Amino acid sequence: MEDEIDPREAARNRRRDHDADAEARDLMRPGMGKVFKQIQDAQRKAADESPAAPSTARRKRQTPPKR
C-alpha cells in the first residue's frame, strides 16, 4: 500500500502541474495571436539585419559593380 499518495500530496502535485501549465495557457488567450505574430516579425527583422555569412560576403565583393 506504499504506492498510494496522501491526499495532501496529490493536491500539491495538481497545483504544481497547474502552475507549470499556466504559461502555455496564457499564450492561448484571445488576442495572443497578434503578440505571437509581432514576436515572429521582430525575429525575422533581426535575422534580416544580421551580418551576411562570410561566403556570401565574398561572393558579393567579387561581382563587378553595375554601371
N, C-alpha and C. Protein backbone atom coordinates (compact mmCIF):
# COMPACT_ATOMS: atom_id res chain seq x y z
N MET A 1 0.80 -1.19 0.00
CA MET A 1 0.00 0.00 0.00
C MET A 1 0.86 1.27 0.00
N GLU A 2 2.15 1.14 -0.21
CA GLU A 2 3.03 2.30 -0.22
C GLU A 2 2.86 3.13 -1.48
N ASP A 3 2.22 2.57 -2.52
CA ASP A 3 2.03 3.29 -3.78
C ASP A 3 0.96 4.36 -3.69
N GLU A 4 0.11 4.29 -2.67
CA GLU A 4 -0.94 5.28 -2.51
C GLU A 4 -0.34 6.61 -2.06
N ILE A 5 -0.87 7.70 -2.64
CA ILE A 5 -0.36 9.02 -2.32
C ILE A 5 -1.31 9.70 -1.35
N ASP A 6 -0.74 10.35 -0.37
CA ASP A 6 -1.51 11.11 0.59
C ASP A 6 -2.35 12.17 -0.14
N PRO A 7 -3.60 12.39 0.22
CA PRO A 7 -4.44 13.38 -0.47
C PRO A 7 -3.81 14.78 -0.52
N ARG A 8 -3.12 15.15 0.56
CA ARG A 8 -2.47 16.47 0.57
C ARG A 8 -1.34 16.51 -0.46
N GLU A 9 -0.60 15.42 -0.58
CA GLU A 9 0.47 15.35 -1.57
C GLU A 9 -0.09 15.37 -2.99
N ALA A 10 -1.20 14.68 -3.21
CA ALA A 10 -1.84 14.68 -4.53
C ALA A 10 -2.31 16.08 -4.90
N ALA A 11 -2.88 16.80 -3.94
CA ALA A 11 -3.33 18.18 -4.19
C ALA A 11 -2.13 19.07 -4.50
N ARG A 12 -1.05 18.88 -3.79
CA ARG A 12 0.17 19.66 -4.03
C ARG A 12 0.70 19.40 -5.44
N ASN A 13 0.67 18.14 -5.87
CA ASN A 13 1.12 17.79 -7.22
C ASN A 13 0.23 18.43 -8.28
N ARG A 14 -1.09 18.43 -8.05
CA ARG A 14 -2.02 19.06 -9.01
C ARG A 14 -1.76 20.55 -9.11
N ARG A 15 -1.54 21.21 -7.97
CA ARG A 15 -1.25 22.66 -8.01
C ARG A 15 0.05 22.93 -8.75
N ARG A 16 1.05 22.12 -8.52
CA ARG A 16 2.34 22.29 -9.18
C ARG A 16 2.18 22.14 -10.69
N ASP A 17 1.45 21.12 -11.11
CA ASP A 17 1.23 20.89 -12.53
C ASP A 17 0.41 22.03 -13.14
N HIS A 18 -0.59 22.50 -12.41
CA HIS A 18 -1.43 23.59 -12.88
C HIS A 18 -0.59 24.86 -13.06
N ASP A 19 0.27 25.14 -12.09
CA ASP A 19 1.13 26.33 -12.18
C ASP A 19 2.14 26.19 -13.32
N ALA A 20 2.63 25.00 -13.55
CA ALA A 20 3.61 24.78 -14.62
C ALA A 20 2.97 24.98 -15.99
N ASP A 21 1.70 24.67 -16.13
CA ASP A 21 0.99 24.82 -17.40
C ASP A 21 0.42 26.23 -17.60
N ALA A 22 0.54 27.08 -16.61
CA ALA A 22 -0.07 28.42 -16.68
C ALA A 22 0.49 29.23 -17.84
N GLU A 23 1.78 29.16 -18.09
CA GLU A 23 2.38 29.94 -19.17
C GLU A 23 1.84 29.50 -20.54
N ALA A 24 1.71 28.22 -20.73
CA ALA A 24 1.18 27.72 -22.00
C ALA A 24 -0.28 28.14 -22.18
N ARG A 25 -1.06 28.09 -21.11
CA ARG A 25 -2.46 28.51 -21.19
C ARG A 25 -2.55 30.02 -21.44
N ASP A 26 -1.62 30.76 -20.88
CA ASP A 26 -1.62 32.21 -21.05
C ASP A 26 -1.47 32.58 -22.52
N LEU A 27 -0.68 31.83 -23.26
CA LEU A 27 -0.47 32.11 -24.68
C LEU A 27 -1.69 31.76 -25.52
N MET A 28 -2.64 31.01 -24.99
CA MET A 28 -3.83 30.61 -25.73
C MET A 28 -4.98 31.59 -25.55
N ARG A 29 -4.78 32.65 -24.79
CA ARG A 29 -5.84 33.63 -24.59
C ARG A 29 -6.18 34.32 -25.91
N PRO A 30 -7.41 34.81 -26.03
CA PRO A 30 -7.77 35.56 -27.24
C PRO A 30 -6.87 36.78 -27.40
N GLY A 31 -6.45 37.04 -28.61
CA GLY A 31 -5.60 38.19 -28.87
C GLY A 31 -4.11 37.89 -28.81
N MET A 32 -3.74 36.72 -28.34
CA MET A 32 -2.32 36.41 -28.22
C MET A 32 -1.73 36.06 -29.58
N GLY A 33 -2.56 35.79 -30.58
CA GLY A 33 -2.05 35.54 -31.93
C GLY A 33 -1.33 36.76 -32.46
N LYS A 34 -1.85 37.94 -32.14
CA LYS A 34 -1.22 39.18 -32.57
C LYS A 34 0.16 39.32 -31.92
N VAL A 35 0.25 39.01 -30.65
CA VAL A 35 1.54 39.08 -29.95
C VAL A 35 2.52 38.09 -30.56
N PHE A 36 2.04 36.88 -30.86
CA PHE A 36 2.90 35.87 -31.46
C PHE A 36 3.43 36.35 -32.80
N LYS A 37 2.56 36.96 -33.61
CA LYS A 37 2.98 37.48 -34.91
C LYS A 37 4.00 38.61 -34.74
N GLN A 38 3.80 39.46 -33.76
CA GLN A 38 4.76 40.55 -33.51
C GLN A 38 6.13 39.98 -33.14
N ILE A 39 6.14 38.93 -32.35
CA ILE A 39 7.41 38.30 -31.97
C ILE A 39 8.08 37.70 -33.19
N GLN A 40 7.31 37.00 -34.02
CA GLN A 40 7.89 36.41 -35.23
C GLN A 40 8.42 37.50 -36.16
N ASP A 41 7.68 38.59 -36.32
CA ASP A 41 8.13 39.67 -37.19
C ASP A 41 9.43 40.29 -36.67
N ALA A 42 9.53 40.46 -35.37
CA ALA A 42 10.74 41.03 -34.78
C ALA A 42 11.93 40.08 -34.99
N GLN A 43 11.70 38.79 -34.84
CA GLN A 43 12.79 37.83 -35.06
C GLN A 43 13.21 37.81 -36.52
N ARG A 44 12.24 37.89 -37.43
CA ARG A 44 12.55 37.89 -38.86
C ARG A 44 13.36 39.15 -39.22
N LYS A 45 12.96 40.29 -38.66
CA LYS A 45 13.66 41.54 -38.92
C LYS A 45 15.10 41.47 -38.40
N ALA A 46 15.27 40.91 -37.20
CA ALA A 46 16.61 40.77 -36.63
C ALA A 46 17.47 39.84 -37.48
N ALA A 47 16.88 38.78 -38.01
CA ALA A 47 17.63 37.84 -38.85
C ALA A 47 18.02 38.50 -40.17
N ASP A 48 17.14 39.32 -40.71
CA ASP A 48 17.44 40.01 -41.97
C ASP A 48 18.55 41.05 -41.79
N GLU A 49 18.62 41.65 -40.61
CA GLU A 49 19.61 42.69 -40.35
C GLU A 49 20.96 42.13 -39.90
N SER A 50 21.02 40.84 -39.61
CA SER A 50 22.27 40.25 -39.15
C SER A 50 23.29 40.27 -40.28
N PRO A 51 24.59 40.32 -39.94
CA PRO A 51 25.61 40.35 -40.98
C PRO A 51 25.59 39.09 -41.84
N ALA A 52 25.94 39.26 -43.08
CA ALA A 52 25.93 38.13 -44.02
C ALA A 52 27.02 37.14 -43.65
N ALA A 53 26.81 35.91 -44.04
CA ALA A 53 27.81 34.87 -43.79
C ALA A 53 29.06 35.17 -44.62
N PRO A 54 30.23 34.75 -44.18
CA PRO A 54 31.47 35.07 -44.91
C PRO A 54 31.44 34.62 -46.37
N SER A 55 30.89 33.47 -46.66
CA SER A 55 30.88 33.01 -48.06
C SER A 55 30.00 33.92 -48.91
N THR A 56 28.90 34.40 -48.36
CA THR A 56 28.02 35.30 -49.08
C THR A 56 28.70 36.65 -49.28
N ALA A 57 29.41 37.12 -48.27
CA ALA A 57 30.08 38.41 -48.36
C ALA A 57 31.17 38.37 -49.43
N ARG A 58 31.89 37.25 -49.53
CA ARG A 58 32.94 37.15 -50.55
C ARG A 58 32.34 37.19 -51.95
N ARG A 59 31.22 36.48 -52.12
CA ARG A 59 30.59 36.48 -53.44
C ARG A 59 30.11 37.87 -53.82
N LYS A 60 29.64 38.62 -52.87
CA LYS A 60 29.16 39.96 -53.16
C LYS A 60 30.33 40.87 -53.57
N ARG A 61 31.49 40.71 -52.95
CA ARG A 61 32.64 41.55 -53.28
C ARG A 61 33.22 41.20 -54.65
N GLN A 62 33.10 39.96 -55.08
CA GLN A 62 33.70 39.54 -56.35
C GLN A 62 32.87 39.94 -57.55
N THR A 63 31.64 40.31 -57.36
CA THR A 63 30.81 40.70 -58.50
C THR A 63 31.19 42.11 -58.95
N PRO A 64 31.29 42.33 -60.25
CA PRO A 64 31.66 43.66 -60.74
C PRO A 64 30.55 44.67 -60.47
N PRO A 65 30.89 45.91 -60.23
CA PRO A 65 29.87 46.92 -59.95
C PRO A 65 29.02 47.17 -61.21
N LYS A 66 27.76 47.47 -60.99
CA LYS A 66 26.86 47.76 -62.09
C LYS A 66 27.00 49.22 -62.48
N ARG A 67 26.90 49.46 -63.79
CA ARG A 67 27.05 50.85 -64.26
C ARG A 67 25.77 51.38 -64.79
